[in-house]
Amino acid sequence: FFLLSEDYALQQRIEESTLSGRNHPLNIHGAADLGL
């Protein structure tokens, strides 16, 4: 099992380009821009 902090606020870090193993929209787009 795992221990989770449900309310821990994440500071999103936006990258200018997709790096190795980081090909995900949240690495280059803000959450609000994605409707999240």
PDB file of all heavy atoms in Angstrom:
ATOM      1  N   PHE A   1       0.851  -1.189   0.000  1.00  0.00           N
ATOM      2  CA  PHE A   1       0.000   0.000   0.000  1.00  0.00           C
ATOM      3  C   PHE A   1       0.885   1.237   0.000  1.00  0.00           C
ATOM      4  O   PHE A   1       2.110   1.143   0.043  1.00  0.00           O
ATOM      5  CB  PHE A   1      -0.942   0.004   1.217  1.00  0.00           C
ATOM      6  CG  PHE A   1      -0.260   0.005   2.562  1.00  0.00           C
ATOM      7  CD1 PHE A   1       0.021   1.206   3.208  1.00  0.00           C
ATOM      8  CD2 PHE A   1       0.094  -1.179   3.189  1.00  0.00           C
ATOM      9  CE1 PHE A   1       0.647   1.228   4.445  1.00  0.00           C
ATOM     10  CE2 PHE A   1       0.724  -1.178   4.438  1.00  0.00           C
ATOM     11  CZ  PHE A   1       0.992   0.033   5.064  1.00  0.00           C
ATOM     12  N   PHE A   2       0.251   2.412  -0.097  1.00  0.00           N
ATOM     13  CA  PHE A   2       1.020   3.650  -0.077  1.00  0.00           C
ATOM     14  C   PHE A   2       0.323   4.691   0.773  1.00  0.00           C
ATOM     15  O   PHE A   2      -0.887   4.604   1.023  1.00  0.00           O
ATOM     16  CB  PHE A   2       1.273   4.175  -1.502  1.00  0.00           C
ATOM     17  CG  PHE A   2       0.036   4.484  -2.301  1.00  0.00           C
ATOM     18  CD1 PHE A   2      -0.490   5.769  -2.349  1.00  0.00           C
ATOM     19  CD2 PHE A   2      -0.598   3.492  -3.040  1.00  0.00           C
ATOM     20  CE1 PHE A   2      -1.613   6.067  -3.091  1.00  0.00           C
ATOM     21  CE2 PHE A   2      -1.724   3.776  -3.798  1.00  0.00           C
ATOM     22  CZ  PHE A   2      -2.240   5.066  -3.823  1.00  0.00           C
ATOM     23  N   LEU A   3       1.092   5.658   1.248  1.00  0.00           N
ATOM     24  CA  LEU A   3       0.576   6.747   2.068  1.00  0.00           C
ATOM     25  C   LEU A   3       0.477   7.999   1.211  1.00  0.00           C
ATOM     26  O   LEU A   3       1.457   8.428   0.600  1.00  0.00           O
ATOM     27  CB  LEU A   3       1.490   7.009   3.272  1.00  0.00           C
ATOM     28  CG  LEU A   3       1.709   5.827   4.221  1.00  0.00           C
ATOM     29  CD1 LEU A   3       2.588   6.255   5.398  1.00  0.00           C
ATOM     30  CD2 LEU A   3       0.393   5.250   4.724  1.00  0.00           C
ATOM     31  N   LEU A   4      -0.725   8.575   1.179  1.00  0.00           N
ATOM     32  CA  LEU A   4      -1.006   9.681   0.270  1.00  0.00           C
ATOM     33  C   LEU A   4      -1.470  10.915   1.017  1.00  0.00           C
ATOM     34  O   LEU A   4      -2.364  10.837   1.861  1.00  0.00           O
ATOM     35  CB  LEU A   4      -2.094   9.258  -0.727  1.00  0.00           C
ATOM     36  CG  LEU A   4      -2.638  10.341  -1.665  1.00  0.00           C
ATOM     37  CD1 LEU A   4      -1.557  10.783  -2.645  1.00  0.00           C
ATOM     38  CD2 LEU A   4      -3.868   9.841  -2.405  1.00  0.00           C
ATOM     39  N   SER A   5      -0.866  12.051   0.681  1.00  0.00           N
ATOM     40  CA  SER A   5      -1.359  13.340   1.134  1.00  0.00           C
ATOM     41  C   SER A   5      -2.274  13.876   0.038  1.00  0.00           C
ATOM     42  O   SER A   5      -1.807  14.334  -1.013  1.00  0.00           O
ATOM     43  CB  SER A   5      -0.196  14.316   1.382  1.00  0.00           C
ATOM     44  OG  SER A   5      -0.686  15.608   1.667  1.00  0.00           O
ATOM     45  N   GLU A   6      -3.590  13.776   0.264  1.00  0.00           N
ATOM     46  CA  GLU A   6      -4.558  14.123  -0.772  1.00  0.00           C
ATOM     47  C   GLU A   6      -4.587  15.621  -1.069  1.00  0.00           C
ATOM     48  O   GLU A   6      -4.864  16.038  -2.201  1.00  0.00           O
ATOM     49  CB  GLU A   6      -5.956  13.671  -0.356  1.00  0.00           C
ATOM     50  CG  GLU A   6      -6.096  12.165  -0.169  1.00  0.00           C
ATOM     51  CD  GLU A   6      -7.494  11.791   0.269  1.00  0.00           C
ATOM     52  OE1 GLU A   6      -8.466  12.326  -0.315  1.00  0.00           O
ATOM     53  OE2 GLU A   6      -7.634  10.987   1.208  1.00  0.00           O
ATOM     54  N   ASP A   7      -4.303  16.448  -0.075  1.00  0.00           N
ATOM     55  CA  ASP A   7      -4.465  17.891  -0.228  1.00  0.00           C
ATOM     56  C   ASP A   7      -3.164  18.622  -0.518  1.00  0.00           C
ATOM     57  O   ASP A   7      -3.143  19.850  -0.576  1.00  0.00           O
ATOM     58  CB  ASP A   7      -5.115  18.474   1.039  1.00  0.00           C
ATOM     59  CG  ASP A   7      -6.500  17.902   1.290  1.00  0.00           C
ATOM     60  OD1 ASP A   7      -7.227  17.688   0.301  1.00  0.00           O
ATOM     61  OD2 ASP A   7      -6.849  17.653   2.461  1.00  0.00           O
ATOM     62  N   TYR A   8      -2.081  17.883  -0.697  1.00  0.00           N
ATOM     63  CA  TYR A   8      -0.790  18.510  -0.962  1.00  0.00           C
ATOM     64  C   TYR A   8      -0.837  19.249  -2.303  1.00  0.00           C
ATOM     65  O   TYR A   8      -1.057  18.649  -3.363  1.00  0.00           O
ATOM     66  CB  TYR A   8       0.305  17.448  -0.987  1.00  0.00           C
ATOM     67  CG  TYR A   8       1.706  17.989  -1.178  1.00  0.00           C
ATOM     68  CD1 TYR A   8       2.491  18.313  -0.084  1.00  0.00           C
ATOM     69  CD2 TYR A   8       2.237  18.158  -2.458  1.00  0.00           C
ATOM     70  CE1 TYR A   8       3.783  18.797  -0.254  1.00  0.00           C
ATOM     71  CE2 TYR A   8       3.527  18.638  -2.636  1.00  0.00           C
ATOM     72  CZ  TYR A   8       4.288  18.963  -1.529  1.00  0.00           C
ATOM     73  OH  TYR A   8       5.567  19.437  -1.699  1.00  0.00           O
ATOM     74  N   ALA A   9      -0.667  20.564  -2.285  1.00  0.00           N
ATOM     75  CA  ALA A   9      -0.747  21.375  -3.501  1.00  0.00           C
ATOM     76  C   ALA A   9       0.566  21.295  -4.274  1.00  0.00           C
ATOM     77  O   ALA A   9       1.649  21.502  -3.709  1.00  0.00           O
ATOM     78  CB  ALA A   9      -1.064  22.820  -3.146  1.00  0.00           C
ATOM     79  N   LEU A  10       0.474  20.996  -5.547  1.00  0.00           N
ATOM     80  CA  LEU A  10       1.659  20.846  -6.378  1.00  0.00           C
ATOM     81  C   LEU A  10       2.000  22.153  -7.079  1.00  0.00           C
ATOM     82  O   LEU A  10       1.119  22.834  -7.608  1.00  0.00           O
ATOM     83  CB  LEU A  10       1.435  19.762  -7.434  1.00  0.00           C
ATOM     84  CG  LEU A  10       1.219  18.346  -6.900  1.00  0.00           C
ATOM     85  CD1 LEU A  10       0.910  17.415  -8.050  1.00  0.00           C
ATOM     86  CD2 LEU A  10       2.439  17.855  -6.142  1.00  0.00           C
ATOM     87  N   GLN A  11       3.268  22.479  -7.082  1.00  0.00           N
ATOM     88  CA  GLN A  11       3.760  23.622  -7.833  1.00  0.00           C
ATOM     89  C   GLN A  11       4.188  23.111  -9.202  1.00  0.00           C
ATOM     90  O   GLN A  11       5.229  22.468  -9.340  1.00  0.00           O
ATOM     91  CB  GLN A  11       4.932  24.283  -7.101  1.00  0.00           C
ATOM     92  CG  GLN A  11       4.580  24.828  -5.730  1.00  0.00           C
ATOM     93  CD  GLN A  11       3.559  25.948  -5.806  1.00  0.00           C
ATOM     94  OE1 GLN A  11       3.631  26.816  -6.678  1.00  0.00           O
ATOM     95  NE2 GLN A  11       2.594  25.936  -4.889  1.00  0.00           N
ATOM     96  N   GLN A  12       3.371  23.357 -10.215  1.00  0.00           N
ATOM     97  CA  GLN A  12       3.644  22.821 -11.532  1.00  0.00           C
ATOM     98  C   GLN A  12       4.803  23.555 -12.184  1.00  0.00           C
ATOM     99  O   GLN A  12       4.864  24.780 -12.188  1.00  0.00           O
ATOM    100  CB  GLN A  12       2.400  22.920 -12.412  1.00  0.00           C
ATOM    101  CG  GLN A  12       2.530  22.191 -13.729  1.00  0.00           C
ATOM    102  CD  GLN A  12       1.293  22.365 -14.585  1.00  0.00           C
ATOM    103  OE1 GLN A  12       0.355  23.064 -14.202  1.00  0.00           O
ATOM    104  NE2 GLN A  12       1.286  21.760 -15.755  1.00  0.00           N
ATOM    105  N   ARG A  13       5.716  22.767 -12.720  1.00  0.00           N
ATOM    106  CA  ARG A  13       6.872  23.334 -13.416  1.00  0.00           C
ATOM    107  C   ARG A  13       6.703  23.080 -14.908  1.00  0.00           C
ATOM    108  O   ARG A  13       6.638  21.933 -15.352  1.00  0.00           O
ATOM    109  CB  ARG A  13       8.161  22.679 -12.913  1.00  0.00           C
ATOM    110  CG  ARG A  13       9.431  23.254 -13.540  1.00  0.00           C
ATOM    111  CD  ARG A  13      10.651  22.595 -12.932  1.00  0.00           C
ATOM    112  NE  ARG A  13      10.651  21.169 -13.160  1.00  0.00           N
ATOM    113  CZ  ARG A  13      11.124  20.277 -12.308  1.00  0.00           C
ATOM    114  NH1 ARG A  13      11.573  20.664 -11.139  1.00  0.00           N
ATOM    115  NH2 ARG A  13      11.105  18.985 -12.596  1.00  0.00           N
ATOM    116  N   ILE A  14       6.602  24.135 -15.680  1.00  0.00           N
ATOM    117  CA  ILE A  14       6.389  24.018 -17.119  1.00  0.00           C
ATOM    118  C   ILE A  14       7.736  23.991 -17.834  1.00  0.00           C
ATOM    119  O   ILE A  14       8.592  24.840 -17.607  1.00  0.00           O
ATOM    120  CB  ILE A  14       5.540  25.192 -17.649  1.00  0.00           C
ATOM    121  CG1 ILE A  14       4.240  25.295 -16.846  1.00  0.00           C
ATOM    122  CG2 ILE A  14       5.261  25.030 -19.124  1.00  0.00           C
ATOM    123  CD1 ILE A  14       3.374  24.068 -16.929  1.00  0.00           C
ATOM    124  N   GLU A  15       7.902  23.002 -18.702  1.00  0.00           N
ATOM    125  CA  GLU A  15       9.137  22.883 -19.473  1.00  0.00           C
ATOM    126  C   GLU A  15       8.902  23.427 -20.880  1.00  0.00           C
ATOM    127  O   GLU A  15       7.804  23.345 -21.422  1.00  0.00           O
ATOM    128  CB  GLU A  15       9.578  21.418 -19.558  1.00  0.00           C
ATOM    129  CG  GLU A  15       9.803  20.766 -18.195  1.00  0.00           C
ATOM    130  CD  GLU A  15      11.037  21.279 -17.499  1.00  0.00           C
ATOM    131  OE1 GLU A  15      11.828  21.995 -18.156  1.00  0.00           O
ATOM    132  OE2 GLU A  15      11.205  20.985 -16.319  1.00  0.00           O
ATOM    133  N   GLU A  16       9.955  23.946 -21.490  1.00  0.00           N
ATOM    134  CA  GLU A  16       9.827  24.474 -22.839  1.00  0.00           C
ATOM    135  C   GLU A  16       9.824  23.371 -23.886  1.00  0.00           C
ATOM    136  O   GLU A  16       9.357  23.550 -24.993  1.00  0.00           O
ATOM    137  CB  GLU A  16      10.968  25.452 -23.125  1.00  0.00           C
ATOM    138  CG  GLU A  16      10.905  26.717 -22.264  1.00  0.00           C
ATOM    139  CD  GLU A  16      12.014  27.691 -22.604  1.00  0.00           C
ATOM    140  OE1 GLU A  16      12.857  27.335 -23.454  1.00  0.00           O
ATOM    141  OE2 GLU A  16      12.034  28.786 -22.042  1.00  0.00           O
ATOM    142  N   SER A  17      10.349  22.239 -23.539  1.00  0.00           N
ATOM    143  CA  SER A  17      10.380  21.130 -24.494  1.00  0.00           C
ATOM    144  C   SER A  17      10.185  19.827 -23.745  1.00  0.00           C
ATOM    145  O   SER A  17      10.355  19.754 -22.531  1.00  0.00           O
ATOM    146  CB  SER A  17      11.720  21.095 -25.246  1.00  0.00           C
ATOM    147  OG  SER A  17      12.784  20.886 -24.328  1.00  0.00           O
ATOM    148  N   THR A  18       9.813  18.802 -24.485  1.00  0.00           N
ATOM    149  CA  THR A  18       9.613  17.489 -23.888  1.00  0.00           C
ATOM    150  C   THR A  18      10.962  16.808 -23.715  1.00  0.00           C
ATOM    151  O   THR A  18      11.714  16.641 -24.667  1.00  0.00           O
ATOM    152  CB  THR A  18       8.707  16.633 -24.775  1.00  0.00           C
ATOM    153  OG1 THR A  18       7.473  17.327 -24.950  1.00  0.00           O
ATOM    154  CG2 THR A  18       8.444  15.278 -24.161  1.00  0.00           C
ATOM    155  N   LEU A  19      11.257  16.385 -22.498  1.00  0.00           N
ATOM    156  CA  LEU A  19      12.520  15.724 -22.205  1.00  0.00           C
ATOM    157  C   LEU A  19      12.325  14.220 -22.160  1.00  0.00           C
ATOM    158  O   LEU A  19      11.207  13.716 -22.220  1.00  0.00           O
ATOM    159  CB  LEU A  19      13.063  16.221 -20.864  1.00  0.00           C
ATOM    160  CG  LEU A  19      13.269  17.735 -20.759  1.00  0.00           C
ATOM    161  CD1 LEU A  19      13.746  18.095 -19.365  1.00  0.00           C
ATOM    162  CD2 LEU A  19      14.265  18.226 -21.793  1.00  0.00           C
ATOM    163  N   SER A  20      13.409  13.488 -22.040  1.00  0.00           N
ATOM    164  CA  SER A  20      13.339  12.037 -21.991  1.00  0.00           C
ATOM    165  C   SER A  20      12.443  11.579 -20.859  1.00  0.00           C
ATOM    166  O   SER A  20      12.621  11.967 -19.704  1.00  0.00           O
ATOM    167  CB  SER A  20      14.748  11.457 -21.792  1.00  0.00           C
ATOM    168  OG  SER A  20      14.703  10.070 -21.635  1.00  0.00           O
ATOM    169  N   GLY A  21      11.470  10.727 -21.195  1.00  0.00           N
ATOM    170  CA  GLY A  21      10.577  10.189 -20.181  1.00  0.00           C
ATOM    171  C   GLY A  21       9.584  11.191 -19.646  1.00  0.00           C
ATOM    172  O   GLY A  21       8.920  10.920 -18.653  1.00  0.00           O
ATOM    173  N   ARG A  22       9.455  12.364 -20.275  1.00  0.00           N
ATOM    174  CA  ARG A  22       8.548  13.387 -19.759  1.00  0.00           C
ATOM    175  C   ARG A  22       7.581  13.858 -20.842  1.00  0.00           C
ATOM    176  O   ARG A  22       7.164  15.007 -20.855  1.00  0.00           O
ATOM    177  CB  ARG A  22       9.341  14.550 -19.174  1.00  0.00           C
ATOM    178  CG  ARG A  22      10.278  14.128 -18.039  1.00  0.00           C
ATOM    179  CD  ARG A  22      10.830  15.316 -17.303  1.00  0.00           C
ATOM    180  NE  ARG A  22       9.772  16.046 -16.631  1.00  0.00           N
ATOM    181  CZ  ARG A  22       9.961  17.236 -16.035  1.00  0.00           C
ATOM    182  NH1 ARG A  22      11.159  17.788 -16.061  1.00  0.00           N
ATOM    183  NH2 ARG A  22       8.973  17.853 -15.436  1.00  0.00           N
ATOM    184  N   ASN A  23       7.251  12.972 -21.744  1.00  0.00           N
ATOM    185  CA  ASN A  23       6.328  13.307 -22.827  1.00  0.00           C
ATOM    186  C   ASN A  23       4.895  13.255 -22.303  1.00  0.00           C
ATOM    187  O   ASN A  23       4.159  12.303 -22.505  1.00  0.00           O
ATOM    188  CB  ASN A  23       6.512  12.355 -24.014  1.00  0.00           C
ATOM    189  CG  ASN A  23       6.580  10.886 -23.605  1.00  0.00           C
ATOM    190  OD1 ASN A  23       7.454  10.500 -22.832  1.00  0.00           O
ATOM    191  ND2 ASN A  23       5.680  10.073 -24.127  1.00  0.00           N
ATOM    192  N   HIS A  24       4.535  14.307 -21.598  1.00  0.00           N
ATOM    193  CA  HIS A  24       3.206  14.411 -20.999  1.00  0.00           C
ATOM    194  C   HIS A  24       2.738  15.857 -21.099  1.00  0.00           C
ATOM    195  O   HIS A  24       3.535  16.793 -20.913  1.00  0.00           O
ATOM    196  CB  HIS A  24       3.236  13.965 -19.537  1.00  0.00           C
ATOM    197  CG  HIS A  24       1.874  13.799 -18.939  1.00  0.00           C
ATOM    198  ND1 HIS A  24       1.101  14.867 -18.520  1.00  0.00           N
ATOM    199  CD2 HIS A  24       1.133  12.689 -18.690  1.00  0.00           C
ATOM    200  CE1 HIS A  24      -0.048  14.421 -18.045  1.00  0.00           C
ATOM    201  NE2 HIS A  24      -0.062  13.111 -18.140  1.00  0.00           N
ATOM    202  N   PRO A  25       1.442  16.076 -21.376  1.00  0.00           N
ATOM    203  CA  PRO A  25       0.947  17.454 -21.525  1.00  0.00           C
ATOM    204  C   PRO A  25       1.228  18.358 -20.341  1.00  0.00           C
ATOM    205  O   PRO A  25       1.467  19.556 -20.515  1.00  0.00           O
ATOM    206  CB  PRO A  25      -0.564  17.246 -21.715  1.00  0.00           C
ATOM    207  CG  PRO A  25      -0.685  15.892 -22.328  1.00  0.00           C
ATOM    208  CD  PRO A  25       0.410  15.075 -21.691  1.00  0.00           C
ATOM    209  N   LEU A  26       1.217  17.816 -19.117  1.00  0.00           N
ATOM    210  CA  LEU A  26       1.409  18.658 -17.942  1.00  0.00           C
ATOM    211  C   LEU A  26       2.845  19.119 -17.764  1.00  0.00           C
ATOM    212  O   LEU A  26       3.129  19.953 -16.904  1.00  0.00           O
ATOM    213  CB  LEU A  26       0.936  17.927 -16.681  1.00  0.00           C
ATOM    214  CG  LEU A  26      -0.586  17.875 -16.518  1.00  0.00           C
ATOM    215  CD1 LEU A  26      -0.978  16.936 -15.391  1.00  0.00           C
ATOM    216  CD2 LEU A  26      -1.150  19.274 -16.261  1.00  0.00           C
ATOM    217  N   ASN A  27       3.749  18.622 -18.590  1.00  0.00           N
ATOM    218  CA  ASN A  27       5.120  19.116 -18.552  1.00  0.00           C
ATOM    219  C   ASN A  27       5.313  20.342 -19.442  1.00  0.00           C
ATOM    220  O   ASN A  27       6.336  21.018 -19.353  1.00  0.00           O
ATOM    221  CB  ASN A  27       6.099  18.014 -18.971  1.00  0.00           C
ATOM    222  CG  ASN A  27       6.280  16.985 -17.887  1.00  0.00           C
ATOM    223  OD1 ASN A  27       6.343  17.315 -16.716  1.00  0.00           O
ATOM    224  ND2 ASN A  27       6.341  15.718 -18.272  1.00  0.00           N
ATOM    225  N   ILE A  28       4.319  20.616 -20.301  1.00  0.00           N
ATOM    226  CA  ILE A  28       4.472  21.762 -21.199  1.00  0.00           C
ATOM    227  C   ILE A  28       3.243  22.659 -21.233  1.00  0.00           C
ATOM    228  O   ILE A  28       3.279  23.719 -21.860  1.00  0.00           O
ATOM    229  CB  ILE A  28       4.814  21.301 -22.631  1.00  0.00           C
ATOM    230  CG1 ILE A  28       3.779  20.311 -23.156  1.00  0.00           C
ATOM    231  CG2 ILE A  28       6.194  20.674 -22.668  1.00  0.00           C
ATOM    232  CD1 ILE A  28       4.039  19.883 -24.592  1.00  0.00           C
ATOM    233  N   HIS A  29       2.159  22.261 -20.561  1.00  0.00           N
ATOM    234  CA  HIS A  29       0.949  23.076 -20.516  1.00  0.00           C
ATOM    235  C   HIS A  29       0.492  23.232 -19.064  1.00  0.00           C
ATOM    236  O   HIS A  29       0.607  22.285 -18.268  1.00  0.00           O
ATOM    237  CB  HIS A  29      -0.190  22.421 -21.310  1.00  0.00           C
ATOM    238  CG  HIS A  29       0.084  22.269 -22.772  1.00  0.00           C
ATOM    239  ND1 HIS A  29       0.099  23.339 -23.639  1.00  0.00           N
ATOM    240  CD2 HIS A  29       0.353  21.173 -23.522  1.00  0.00           C
ATOM    241  CE1 HIS A  29       0.362  22.909 -24.867  1.00  0.00           C
ATOM    242  NE2 HIS A  29       0.529  21.593 -24.812  1.00  0.00           N
ATOM    243  N   GLY A  30      -0.038  24.391 -18.738  1.00  0.00           N
ATOM    244  CA  GLY A  30      -0.607  24.592 -17.419  1.00  0.00           C
ATOM    245  C   GLY A  30      -1.878  23.767 -17.245  1.00  0.00           C
ATOM    246  O   GLY A  30      -2.613  23.533 -18.204  1.00  0.00           O
ATOM    247  N   ALA A  31      -2.144  23.344 -16.013  1.00  0.00           N
ATOM    248  CA  ALA A  31      -3.318  22.526 -15.742  1.00  0.00           C
ATOM    249  C   ALA A  31      -4.602  23.219 -16.176  1.00  0.00           C
ATOM    250  O   ALA A  31      -5.482  22.604 -16.797  1.00  0.00           O
ATOM    251  CB  ALA A  31      -3.370  22.172 -14.264  1.00  0.00           C
ATOM    252  N   ALA A  32      -4.727  24.501 -15.870  1.00  0.00           N
ATOM    253  CA  ALA A  32      -5.948  25.232 -16.220  1.00  0.00           C
ATOM    254  C   ALA A  32      -6.138  25.298 -17.730  1.00  0.00           C
ATOM    255  O   ALA A  32      -7.269  25.235 -18.234  1.00  0.00           O
ATOM    256  CB  ALA A  32      -5.902  26.639 -15.630  1.00  0.00           C
ATOM    257  N   ASP A  33      -5.032  25.398 -18.476  1.00  0.00           N
ATOM    258  CA  ASP A  33      -5.121  25.448 -19.934  1.00  0.00           C
ATOM    259  C   ASP A  33      -5.643  24.139 -20.515  1.00  0.00           C
ATOM    260  O   ASP A  33      -6.166  24.116 -21.636  1.00  0.00           O
ATOM    261  CB  ASP A  33      -3.750  25.761 -20.536  1.00  0.00           C
ATOM    262  CG  ASP A  33      -3.240  27.139 -20.142  1.00  0.00           C
ATOM    263  OD1 ASP A  33      -4.088  28.025 -19.889  1.00  0.00           O
ATOM    264  OD2 ASP A  33      -2.014  27.325 -20.072  1.00  0.00           O
ATOM    265  N   LEU A  34      -5.474  23.058 -19.762  1.00  0.00           N
ATOM    266  CA  LEU A  34      -5.939  21.747 -20.215  1.00  0.00           C
ATOM    267  C   LEU A  34      -7.325  21.413 -19.675  1.00  0.00           C
ATOM    268  O   LEU A  34      -7.818  20.296 -19.871  1.00  0.00           O
ATOM    269  CB  LEU A  34      -4.948  20.658 -19.763  1.00  0.00           C
ATOM    270  CG  LEU A  34      -3.537  20.760 -20.337  1.00  0.00           C
ATOM    271  CD1 LEU A  34      -2.632  19.697 -19.727  1.00  0.00           C
ATOM    272  CD2 LEU A  34      -3.565  20.635 -21.855  1.00  0.00           C
ATOM    273  N   GLY A  35      -7.943  22.377 -18.995  1.00  0.00           N
ATOM    274  CA  GLY A  35      -9.266  22.142 -18.437  1.00  0.00           C
ATOM    275  C   GLY A  35      -9.249  21.345 -17.157  1.00  0.00           C
ATOM    276  O   GLY A  35     -10.278  20.762 -16.762  1.00  0.00           O
ATOM    277  N   LEU A  36      -8.101  21.317 -16.475  1.00  0.00           N
ATOM    278  CA  LEU A  36      -7.964  20.558 -15.240  1.00  0.00           C
ATOM    279  C   LEU A  36      -8.085  21.453 -14.026  1.00  0.00           C
ATOM    280  O   LEU A  36      -7.804  22.660 -14.088  1.00  0.00           O
ATOM    281  CB  LEU A  36      -6.606  19.840 -15.208  1.00  0.00           C
ATOM    282  CG  LEU A  36      -6.327  18.857 -16.356  1.00  0.00           C
ATOM    283  CD1 LEU A  36      -4.892  18.352 -16.258  1.00  0.00           C
ATOM    284  CD2 LEU A  36      -7.308  17.700 -16.322  1.00  0.00           C
TER     285      LEU A  36
END
